[in-house]
């Protein structure tokens, strides 16, 4: 996937996913602390489907999740980006670019998700034109809600995912 962009921030290298990222990403989301707001992703098949859907966004739409690594390290620390998904949550959410971020718990709370998302949103707006982007955050995930607000997202409504988990749906207008 070398024709996809590689973004660099002060502390991070952000690149498109490869098959080598599947197992490390599954380990990240399987951690109980990291995965508590992510719904049912600890099952390897479910995580593979999520990963493939996100990777497919690159091929179909020209944007997707980036795999995050610290400068000078090959260790995957998370997935961040704007991707295209279809979640069955309604016309106001589905079929829109969706922002999301997942970092390993050892790297949470250090401003890395915000650093990555600011770079990704700037790239997305410059590459695909400024447009509405949606986001969903698990109810109770105060840290991600604060980050979403800092990134310009505002709450639309609450919804239930197919597994019953409650999420707050947000949107960001250009």
C-alpha atoms as a PDB file:
ATOM      1  CA  UNK A   1       0.000   0.000   0.000  1.00  0.00           C
ATOM      2  CA  UNK A   2       2.926   2.306  -0.664  1.00  0.00           C
ATOM      3  CA  UNK A   3       0.813   4.698  -2.743  1.00  0.00           C
ATOM      4  CA  UNK A   4      -1.137   5.745   0.352  1.00  0.00           C
ATOM      5  CA  UNK A   5       0.035   8.773   2.327  1.00  0.00           C
ATOM      6  CA  UNK A   6       2.373   8.685   5.271  1.00  0.00           C
ATOM      7  CA  UNK A   7       1.794  11.568   7.663  1.00  0.00           C
ATOM      8  CA  UNK A   8       4.261  12.669  10.304  1.00  0.00           C
ATOM      9  CA  UNK A   9       3.615  14.748  13.386  1.00  0.00           C
ATOM     10  CA  UNK A  10       6.008  15.851  16.080  1.00  0.00           C
ATOM     11  CA  UNK A  11       5.845  12.448  17.779  1.00  0.00           C
ATOM     12  CA  UNK A  12       4.077  10.102  15.356  1.00  0.00           C
ATOM     13  CA  UNK A  13       4.343   8.369  12.007  1.00  0.00           C
ATOM     14  CA  UNK A  14       0.892   7.610  10.556  1.00  0.00           C
ATOM     15  CA  UNK A  15       0.574   5.113   7.719  1.00  0.00           C
ATOM     16  CA  UNK A  16      -2.096   3.033   6.002  1.00  0.00           C
ATOM     17  CA  UNK A  17      -2.733  -0.417   7.481  1.00  0.00           C
ATOM     18  CA  UNK A  18      -1.028  -3.578   6.275  1.00  0.00           C
ATOM     19  CA  UNK A  19      -1.700  -7.223   7.067  1.00  0.00           C
ATOM     20  CA  UNK A  20       1.184  -7.097   9.559  1.00  0.00           C
ATOM     21  CA  UNK A  21      -0.927  -4.714  11.680  1.00  0.00           C
ATOM     22  CA  UNK A  22      -3.851  -7.118  12.191  1.00  0.00           C
ATOM     23  CA  UNK A  23      -2.462  -9.067  15.170  1.00  0.00           C
ATOM     24  CA  UNK A  24      -1.004  -6.053  17.030  1.00  0.00           C
ATOM     25  CA  UNK A  25      -4.244  -4.105  16.551  1.00  0.00           C
ATOM     26  CA  UNK A  26      -6.245  -7.058  17.857  1.00  0.00           C
ATOM     27  CA  UNK A  27      -3.999  -7.136  20.932  1.00  0.00           C
ATOM     28  CA  UNK A  28      -4.614  -3.411  21.503  1.00  0.00           C
ATOM     29  CA  UNK A  29      -8.414  -3.618  21.319  1.00  0.00           C
ATOM     30  CA  UNK A  30      -8.479  -6.860  23.341  1.00  0.00           C
ATOM     31  CA  UNK A  31      -6.949  -5.102  26.332  1.00  0.00           C
ATOM     32  CA  UNK A  32      -9.854  -4.633  28.781  1.00  0.00           C
ATOM     33  CA  UNK A  33      -8.901  -1.044  29.601  1.00  0.00           C
ATOM     34  CA  UNK A  34      -8.429   0.018  25.972  1.00  0.00           C
ATOM     35  CA  UNK A  35     -11.453  -1.891  24.708  1.00  0.00           C
ATOM     36  CA  UNK A  36     -14.030  -0.983  27.335  1.00  0.00           C
ATOM     37  CA  UNK A  37     -15.758   1.560  25.051  1.00  0.00           C
ATOM     38  CA  UNK A  38     -15.287  -0.327  21.781  1.00  0.00           C
ATOM     39  CA  UNK A  39     -18.026  -2.935  21.960  1.00  0.00           C
ATOM     40  CA  UNK A  40     -17.447  -6.554  21.012  1.00  0.00           C
ATOM     41  CA  UNK A  41     -14.038  -6.554  19.306  1.00  0.00           C
ATOM     42  CA  UNK A  42     -12.045  -9.036  21.377  1.00  0.00           C
ATOM     43  CA  UNK A  43     -13.166 -11.866  19.086  1.00  0.00           C
ATOM     44  CA  UNK A  44     -10.464 -12.265  16.398  1.00  0.00           C
ATOM     45  CA  UNK A  45     -13.026 -12.684  13.595  1.00  0.00           C
ATOM     46  CA  UNK A  46     -14.899  -9.526  14.615  1.00  0.00           C
ATOM     47  CA  UNK A  47     -11.663  -7.552  14.855  1.00  0.00           C
ATOM     48  CA  UNK A  48     -10.545  -8.854  11.453  1.00  0.00           C
ATOM     49  CA  UNK A  49     -13.840  -7.679   9.906  1.00  0.00           C
ATOM     50  CA  UNK A  50     -13.420  -4.223  11.470  1.00  0.00           C
ATOM     51  CA  UNK A  51      -9.815  -4.036  10.322  1.00  0.00           C
ATOM     52  CA  UNK A  52     -10.658  -5.154   6.771  1.00  0.00           C
ATOM     53  CA  UNK A  53     -13.561  -2.691   6.563  1.00  0.00           C
ATOM     54  CA  UNK A  54     -11.280   0.125   7.627  1.00  0.00           C
ATOM     55  CA  UNK A  55      -8.512  -0.946   5.223  1.00  0.00           C
ATOM     56  CA  UNK A  56     -11.102  -1.242   2.438  1.00  0.00           C
ATOM     57  CA  UNK A  57     -12.056   2.377   2.996  1.00  0.00           C
ATOM     58  CA  UNK A  58      -8.665   3.330   1.547  1.00  0.00           C
ATOM     59  CA  UNK A  59      -9.330   1.398  -1.650  1.00  0.00           C
ATOM     60  CA  UNK A  60     -12.934   2.524  -2.121  1.00  0.00           C
ATOM     61  CA  UNK A  61     -12.822   6.131  -0.905  1.00  0.00           C
ATOM     62  CA  UNK A  62      -9.168   7.198  -0.819  1.00  0.00           C
ATOM     63  CA  UNK A  63      -9.116   7.701   2.949  1.00  0.00           C
ATOM     64  CA  UNK A  64      -9.173   5.479   6.006  1.00  0.00           C
ATOM     65  CA  UNK A  65      -7.603   4.717   9.343  1.00  0.00           C
ATOM     66  CA  UNK A  66      -3.899   5.282   9.807  1.00  0.00           C
ATOM     67  CA  UNK A  67      -1.750   3.007  11.927  1.00  0.00           C
ATOM     68  CA  UNK A  68       0.103   5.068  14.546  1.00  0.00           C
ATOM     69  CA  UNK A  69       3.677   4.509  15.627  1.00  0.00           C
ATOM     70  CA  UNK A  70       6.045   6.688  17.623  1.00  0.00           C
ATOM     71  CA  UNK A  71       8.944   8.134  15.625  1.00  0.00           C
ATOM     72  CA  UNK A  72      11.816   5.674  15.666  1.00  0.00           C
ATOM     73  CA  UNK A  73       9.672   2.689  16.672  1.00  0.00           C
ATOM     74  CA  UNK A  74       8.052  -0.150  14.748  1.00  0.00           C
ATOM     75  CA  UNK A  75       5.585  -0.837  17.585  1.00  0.00           C
ATOM     76  CA  UNK A  76       1.966  -0.195  16.633  1.00  0.00           C
ATOM     77  CA  UNK A  77       0.334   1.987  19.291  1.00  0.00           C
ATOM     78  CA  UNK A  78      -3.083   2.481  17.719  1.00  0.00           C
ATOM     79  CA  UNK A  79      -5.402   3.309  14.879  1.00  0.00           C
ATOM     80  CA  UNK A  80      -6.551   6.858  14.111  1.00  0.00           C
ATOM     81  CA  UNK A  81      -8.220   8.402  11.123  1.00  0.00           C
ATOM     82  CA  UNK A  82     -11.175   9.325   8.998  1.00  0.00           C
ATOM     83  CA  UNK A  83     -12.695   6.274   7.324  1.00  0.00           C
ATOM     84  CA  UNK A  84     -15.909   5.272   5.602  1.00  0.00           C
ATOM     85  CA  UNK A  85     -18.200   2.821   7.335  1.00  0.00           C
ATOM     86  CA  UNK A  86     -21.861   1.874   7.399  1.00  0.00           C
ATOM     87  CA  UNK A  87     -23.176   1.173  10.875  1.00  0.00           C
ATOM     88  CA  UNK A  88     -26.954   1.167  10.406  1.00  0.00           C
ATOM     89  CA  UNK A  89     -27.399   4.155  12.720  1.00  0.00           C
ATOM     90  CA  UNK A  90     -29.495   6.316  10.390  1.00  0.00           C
ATOM     91  CA  UNK A  91     -29.240   8.655   7.425  1.00  0.00           C
ATOM     92  CA  UNK A  92     -27.755  11.429   9.576  1.00  0.00           C
ATOM     93  CA  UNK A  93     -24.752   9.222  10.386  1.00  0.00           C
ATOM     94  CA  UNK A  94     -24.315   6.438   7.840  1.00  0.00           C
ATOM     95  CA  UNK A  95     -22.581   6.991   4.502  1.00  0.00           C
ATOM     96  CA  UNK A  96     -20.477   9.853   5.871  1.00  0.00           C
ATOM     97  CA  UNK A  97     -16.759  10.018   6.573  1.00  0.00           C
ATOM     98  CA  UNK A  98     -16.292   8.920  10.198  1.00  0.00           C
ATOM     99  CA  UNK A  99     -13.474   9.947  12.526  1.00  0.00           C
ATOM    100  CA  UNK A 100     -12.142   7.574  15.140  1.00  0.00           C
ATOM    101  CA  UNK A 101      -9.156   6.927  17.351  1.00  0.00           C
ATOM    102  CA  UNK A 102      -7.968   3.967  19.409  1.00  0.00           C
ATOM    103  CA  UNK A 103      -4.661   4.050  21.274  1.00  0.00           C
ATOM    104  CA  UNK A 104      -3.052   1.399  23.450  1.00  0.00           C
ATOM    105  CA  UNK A 105      -3.667   2.257  27.090  1.00  0.00           C
ATOM    106  CA  UNK A 106       0.056   2.847  27.682  1.00  0.00           C
ATOM    107  CA  UNK A 107      -0.147   5.783  25.259  1.00  0.00           C
ATOM    108  CA  UNK A 108      -3.491   7.267  26.320  1.00  0.00           C
ATOM    109  CA  UNK A 109      -3.681  10.632  28.043  1.00  0.00           C
ATOM    110  CA  UNK A 110      -0.526  11.999  26.402  1.00  0.00           C
ATOM    111  CA  UNK A 111      -2.181  14.081  23.683  1.00  0.00           C
ATOM    112  CA  UNK A 112      -1.190  11.631  20.944  1.00  0.00           C
ATOM    113  CA  UNK A 113      -4.733  11.034  19.653  1.00  0.00           C
ATOM    114  CA  UNK A 114      -5.318  14.775  19.339  1.00  0.00           C
ATOM    115  CA  UNK A 115      -1.947  15.304  17.661  1.00  0.00           C
ATOM    116  CA  UNK A 116      -2.719  12.560  15.154  1.00  0.00           C
ATOM    117  CA  UNK A 117      -6.307  13.622  14.487  1.00  0.00           C
ATOM    118  CA  UNK A 118      -5.394  17.274  13.889  1.00  0.00           C
ATOM    119  CA  UNK A 119      -2.889  16.178  11.228  1.00  0.00           C
ATOM    120  CA  UNK A 120      -5.342  13.696   9.703  1.00  0.00           C
ATOM    121  CA  UNK A 121      -8.250  16.159   9.574  1.00  0.00           C
ATOM    122  CA  UNK A 122      -5.980  18.763   7.932  1.00  0.00           C
ATOM    123  CA  UNK A 123      -4.861  16.144   5.373  1.00  0.00           C
ATOM    124  CA  UNK A 124      -8.457  14.970   4.817  1.00  0.00           C
ATOM    125  CA  UNK A 125      -9.771  18.518   4.286  1.00  0.00           C
ATOM    126  CA  UNK A 126      -6.905  19.367   1.906  1.00  0.00           C
ATOM    127  CA  UNK A 127      -7.218  16.108  -0.043  1.00  0.00           C
ATOM    128  CA  UNK A 128     -10.968  15.495  -0.100  1.00  0.00           C
ATOM    129  CA  UNK A 129     -12.318  18.994   0.429  1.00  0.00           C
ATOM    130  CA  UNK A 130     -13.745  20.230   3.682  1.00  0.00           C
ATOM    131  CA  UNK A 131     -16.939  18.299   4.411  1.00  0.00           C
ATOM    132  CA  UNK A 132     -19.075  17.003   7.211  1.00  0.00           C
ATOM    133  CA  UNK A 133     -17.446  14.240   9.268  1.00  0.00           C
ATOM    134  CA  UNK A 134     -19.215  12.167  11.916  1.00  0.00           C
ATOM    135  CA  UNK A 135     -17.888  10.417  14.984  1.00  0.00           C
ATOM    136  CA  UNK A 136     -19.253   8.023  17.604  1.00  0.00           C
ATOM    137  CA  UNK A 137     -18.029   7.697  21.161  1.00  0.00           C
ATOM    138  CA  UNK A 138     -19.057   5.202  23.813  1.00  0.00           C
ATOM    139  CA  UNK A 139     -21.255   6.708  26.496  1.00  0.00           C
ATOM    140  CA  UNK A 140     -19.058   7.390  29.514  1.00  0.00           C
ATOM    141  CA  UNK A 141     -15.841   7.896  27.532  1.00  0.00           C
ATOM    142  CA  UNK A 142     -15.254  11.410  28.844  1.00  0.00           C
ATOM    143  CA  UNK A 143     -11.684  11.674  27.511  1.00  0.00           C
ATOM    144  CA  UNK A 144     -12.734  10.950  23.916  1.00  0.00           C
ATOM    145  CA  UNK A 145     -15.711  13.302  24.207  1.00  0.00           C
ATOM    146  CA  UNK A 146     -13.357  16.096  25.316  1.00  0.00           C
ATOM    147  CA  UNK A 147     -11.042  15.369  22.393  1.00  0.00           C
ATOM    148  CA  UNK A 148     -13.951  15.322  19.942  1.00  0.00           C
ATOM    149  CA  UNK A 149     -15.065  18.742  21.183  1.00  0.00           C
ATOM    150  CA  UNK A 150     -11.509  20.098  20.830  1.00  0.00           C
ATOM    151  CA  UNK A 151     -11.514  18.794  17.241  1.00  0.00           C
ATOM    152  CA  UNK A 152     -14.735  20.707  16.507  1.00  0.00           C
ATOM    153  CA  UNK A 153     -17.300  17.913  16.873  1.00  0.00           C
ATOM    154  CA  UNK A 154     -20.666  18.553  18.511  1.00  0.00           C
ATOM    155  CA  UNK A 155     -23.190  16.025  19.790  1.00  0.00           C
ATOM    156  CA  UNK A 156     -26.092  15.001  17.555  1.00  0.00           C
ATOM    157  CA  UNK A 157     -27.821  12.269  19.575  1.00  0.00           C
ATOM    158  CA  UNK A 158     -27.358   8.987  21.405  1.00  0.00           C
ATOM    159  CA  UNK A 159     -27.826   5.645  19.676  1.00  0.00           C
ATOM    160  CA  UNK A 160     -27.573   1.934  20.408  1.00  0.00           C
ATOM    161  CA  UNK A 161     -25.175  -0.309  18.507  1.00  0.00           C
ATOM    162  CA  UNK A 162     -26.332  -3.790  17.443  1.00  0.00           C
ATOM    163  CA  UNK A 163     -24.639  -5.278  20.543  1.00  0.00           C
ATOM    164  CA  UNK A 164     -26.660  -2.900  22.757  1.00  0.00           C
ATOM    165  CA  UNK A 165     -23.791  -0.578  23.678  1.00  0.00           C
ATOM    166  CA  UNK A 166     -24.820   3.079  23.873  1.00  0.00           C
ATOM    167  CA  UNK A 167     -22.863   5.669  21.892  1.00  0.00           C
ATOM    168  CA  UNK A 168     -22.982   9.410  21.410  1.00  0.00           C
ATOM    169  CA  UNK A 169     -23.076  10.419  17.752  1.00  0.00           C
ATOM    170  CA  UNK A 170     -21.264  13.631  16.881  1.00  0.00           C
ATOM    171  CA  UNK A 171     -20.641  15.707  13.774  1.00  0.00           C
ATOM    172  CA  UNK A 172     -18.119  18.256  12.562  1.00  0.00           C
ATOM    173  CA  UNK A 173     -18.963  20.744   9.842  1.00  0.00           C
ATOM    174  CA  UNK A 174     -16.263  22.435   7.761  1.00  0.00           C
END
